[in-house]
C-alpha atoms as a PDB file:
ATOM      1  CA  MET A   1      53.064  60.763  79.399  1.00  0.00           C
ATOM      2  CA  VAL A   2      55.018  58.190  81.400  1.00  0.00           C
ATOM      3  CA  ARG A   3      51.832  56.257  82.104  1.00  0.00           C
ATOM      4  CA  LYS A   4      50.609  56.363  78.505  1.00  0.00           C
ATOM      5  CA  HIS A   5      53.844  55.697  76.613  1.00  0.00           C
ATOM      6  CA  PHE A   6      55.793  53.552  79.105  1.00  0.00           C
ATOM      7  CA  GLU A   7      52.937  51.611  80.751  1.00  0.00           C
ATOM      8  CA  ALA A   8      53.575  52.984  84.227  1.00  0.00           C
ATOM      9  CA  LYS A   9      50.975  52.008  86.806  1.00  0.00           C
ATOM     10  CA  ILE A  10      50.000  54.695  89.305  1.00  0.00           C
ATOM     11  CA  LEU A  11      50.194  53.218  92.797  1.00  0.00           C
ATOM     12  CA  GLY A  12      48.908  56.280  94.602  1.00  0.00           C
ATOM     13  CA  ALA A  13      49.279  59.952  95.404  1.00  0.00           C
ATOM     14  CA  ARG A  14      49.679  61.408  98.864  1.00  0.00           C
ATOM     15  CA  GLU A  15      50.958  64.372 100.778  1.00  0.00           C
ATOM     16  CA  VAL A  16      54.458  63.395 101.865  1.00  0.00           C
ATOM     17  CA  MET A  17      55.580  66.804 103.099  1.00  0.00           C
ATOM     18  CA  PRO A  18      53.222  69.696 103.877  1.00  0.00           C
ATOM     19  CA  VAL A  19      51.522  70.972 100.682  1.00  0.00           C
ATOM     20  CA  THR A  20      53.607  68.675  98.470  1.00  0.00           C
ATOM     21  CA  ILE A  21      51.879  65.820  96.640  1.00  0.00           C
ATOM     22  CA  THR A  22      53.940  62.804  95.553  1.00  0.00           C
ATOM     23  CA  VAL A  23      52.643  60.440  92.872  1.00  0.00           C
ATOM     24  CA  SER A  24      54.177  56.957  93.041  1.00  0.00           C
ATOM     25  CA  MET A  25      54.310  54.783  89.900  1.00  0.00           C
ATOM     26  CA  GLN A  26      55.409  51.207  89.228  1.00  0.00           C
ATOM     27  CA  MET A  27      57.610  51.223  86.130  1.00  0.00           C
ATOM     28  CA  GLY A  28      58.071  47.468  85.668  1.00  0.00           C
ATOM     29  CA  GLY A  29      59.762  44.906  87.870  1.00  0.00           C
ATOM     30  CA  GLU A  30      61.006  46.508  91.064  1.00  0.00           C
ATOM     31  CA  VAL A  31      61.454  49.966  89.542  1.00  0.00           C
ATOM     32  CA  ARG A  32      59.372  52.718  91.134  1.00  0.00           C
ATOM     33  CA  LEU A  33      59.256  56.359  90.092  1.00  0.00           C
ATOM     34  CA  ASN A  34      58.076  59.092  92.465  1.00  0.00           C
ATOM     35  CA  ILE A  35      57.248  62.553  91.132  1.00  0.00           C
ATOM     36  CA  SER A  36      56.505  65.342  93.587  1.00  0.00           C
ATOM     37  CA  SER A  37      54.839  68.708  93.191  1.00  0.00           C
ATOM     38  CA  PRO A  38      56.940  71.749  94.094  1.00  0.00           C
ATOM     39  CA  PRO A  39      56.789  72.791  97.740  1.00  0.00           C
ATOM     40  CA  ALA A  40      55.058  76.026  98.733  1.00  0.00           C
ATOM     41  CA  GLY A  41      57.215  79.079  98.160  1.00  0.00           C
ATOM     42  CA  SER A  42      59.508  77.407  95.627  1.00  0.00           C
ATOM     43  CA  SER A  43      60.599  79.098  92.407  1.00  0.00           C
ATOM     44  CA  ASP A  44      58.379  78.893  89.341  1.00  0.00           C
ATOM     45  CA  GLN A  45      61.487  78.753  87.143  1.00  0.00           C
ATOM     46  CA  ARG A  46      61.476  75.609  85.047  1.00  0.00           C
ATOM     47  CA  GLY A  47      64.375  73.454  83.949  1.00  0.00           C
ATOM     48  CA  ASN A  48      64.878  72.585  80.308  1.00  0.00           C
ATOM     49  CA  ALA A  49      64.924  69.407  78.289  1.00  0.00           C
ATOM     50  CA  GLU A  50      68.299  69.961  76.683  1.00  0.00           C
ATOM     51  CA  LEU A  51      71.521  67.979  76.837  1.00  0.00           C
ATOM     52  CA  ASN A  52      73.351  70.733  78.781  1.00  0.00           C
ATOM     53  CA  HIS A  53      70.945  70.779  81.747  1.00  0.00           C
ATOM     54  CA  LEU A  54      72.254  70.860  85.327  1.00  0.00           C
ATOM     55  CA  GLY A  55      70.512  69.000  88.144  1.00  0.00           C
ATOM     56  CA  LEU A  56      68.437  65.938  87.316  1.00  0.00           C
ATOM     57  CA  GLU A  57      69.375  65.642  83.693  1.00  0.00           C
ATOM     58  CA  HIS A  58      67.544  62.520  82.643  1.00  0.00           C
ATOM     59  CA  PHE A  59      66.363  59.027  83.414  1.00  0.00           C
ATOM     60  CA  GLY A  60      66.020  56.202  80.942  1.00  0.00           C
ATOM     61  CA  PHE A  61      64.006  53.239  79.751  1.00  0.00           C
ATOM     62  CA  GLY A  62      65.092  50.190  77.798  1.00  0.00           C
ATOM     63  CA  VAL A  63      63.006  49.563  74.679  1.00  0.00           C
ATOM     64  CA  ASP A  64      62.886  46.606  72.303  1.00  0.00           C
ATOM     65  CA  ASP A  65      62.347  48.624  69.105  1.00  0.00           C
ATOM     66  CA  LEU A  66      63.666  52.182  69.329  1.00  0.00           C
ATOM     67  CA  ALA A  67      62.548  53.202  65.836  1.00  0.00           C
ATOM     68  CA  ALA A  68      58.960  52.094  66.486  1.00  0.00           C
ATOM     69  CA  LYS A  69      58.875  53.769  69.913  1.00  0.00           C
ATOM     70  CA  LEU A  70      60.205  57.062  68.504  1.00  0.00           C
ATOM     71  CA  ASP A  71      57.669  56.922  65.667  1.00  0.00           C
ATOM     72  CA  SER A  72      54.832  56.377  68.154  1.00  0.00           C
ATOM     73  CA  LEU A  73      56.013  59.185  70.428  1.00  0.00           C
ATOM     74  CA  GLU A  74      56.509  61.617  67.559  1.00  0.00           C
ATOM     75  CA  LYS A  75      52.991  60.903  66.267  1.00  0.00           C
ATOM     76  CA  ALA A  76      51.723  61.678  69.778  1.00  0.00           C
ATOM     77  CA  GLY A  77      53.408  65.095  69.639  1.00  0.00           C
ATOM     78  CA  VAL A  78      56.394  64.301  71.867  1.00  0.00           C
ATOM     79  CA  ARG A  79      59.516  66.308  70.992  1.00  0.00           C
ATOM     80  CA  ILE A  80      62.536  64.222  69.990  1.00  0.00           C
ATOM     81  CA  VAL A  81      65.575  65.999  71.465  1.00  0.00           C
ATOM     82  CA  LEU A  82      68.201  63.605  70.045  1.00  0.00           C
ATOM     83  CA  PRO A  83      67.191  61.138  67.318  1.00  0.00           C
ATOM     84  CA  SER A  84      68.336  57.516  67.317  1.00  0.00           C
ATOM     85  CA  THR A  85      72.122  57.431  67.665  1.00  0.00           C
ATOM     86  CA  GLU A  86      74.391  54.379  67.662  1.00  0.00           C
ATOM     87  CA  ILE A  87      76.960  54.391  70.449  1.00  0.00           C
ATOM     88  CA  VAL A  88      80.289  52.570  70.735  1.00  0.00           C
ATOM     89  CA  CYS A  89      78.895  49.354  72.300  1.00  0.00           C
ATOM     90  CA  GLY A  90      76.422  48.924  69.416  1.00  0.00           C
ATOM     91  CA  ALA A  91      73.388  50.071  71.381  1.00  0.00           C
ATOM     92  CA  HIS A  92      71.110  52.771  70.007  1.00  0.00           C
ATOM     93  CA  LEU A  93      69.816  55.625  72.131  1.00  0.00           C
ATOM     94  CA  ALA A  94      67.627  58.678  71.770  1.00  0.00           C
ATOM     95  CA  TYR A  95      66.397  61.454  74.041  1.00  0.00           C
ATOM     96  CA  ILE A  96      62.864  62.812  74.240  1.00  0.00           C
ATOM     97  CA  GLU A  97      61.340  65.693  76.163  1.00  0.00           C
ATOM     98  CA  GLY A  98      59.378  64.428  79.131  1.00  0.00           C
ATOM     99  CA  PRO A  99      56.994  66.069  81.558  1.00  0.00           C
ATOM    100  CA  ASP A 100      58.290  69.197  83.320  1.00  0.00           C
ATOM    101  CA  ASP A 101      61.108  69.464  80.761  1.00  0.00           C
ATOM    102  CA  VAL A 102      63.043  66.432  82.032  1.00  0.00           C
ATOM    103  CA  LEU A 103      64.958  64.455  79.431  1.00  0.00           C
ATOM    104  CA  ILE A 104      64.038  60.796  78.993  1.00  0.00           C
ATOM    105  CA  GLU A 105      66.619  58.491  77.418  1.00  0.00           C
ATOM    106  CA  LEU A 106      65.452  55.508  75.378  1.00  0.00           C
ATOM    107  CA  VAL A 107      67.987  52.695  74.884  1.00  0.00           C
ATOM    108  CA  GLN A 108      67.825  49.660  72.607  1.00  0.00           C
ATOM    109  CA  SER A 109      70.529  47.150  73.499  1.00  0.00           C
ATOM    110  CA  PRO A 110      72.496  45.527  70.669  1.00  0.00           C
END
């Protein structure tokens, strides 16, 4: 999803710790995102993509046209958790459900 909808480039995947694979992606500029598989023996319990989640709650991307991005994501079957909302500074933001039930925030600056 991150690669398809946010143009992430996969740099590689390797075993960083025993039986844990980490995929490294270039997200634009100097931003890099690493996503790791769960280590052996860890819980199968998943988080949730809701606004009251503890732990890693979300990460975000800036977008030029929030309405167009949300339309594209919705057509691709991505769940919109919080539709476009204007905040005090005049920016607009929305939340979508990302892989492994992590929230992804989309922000369009004023």
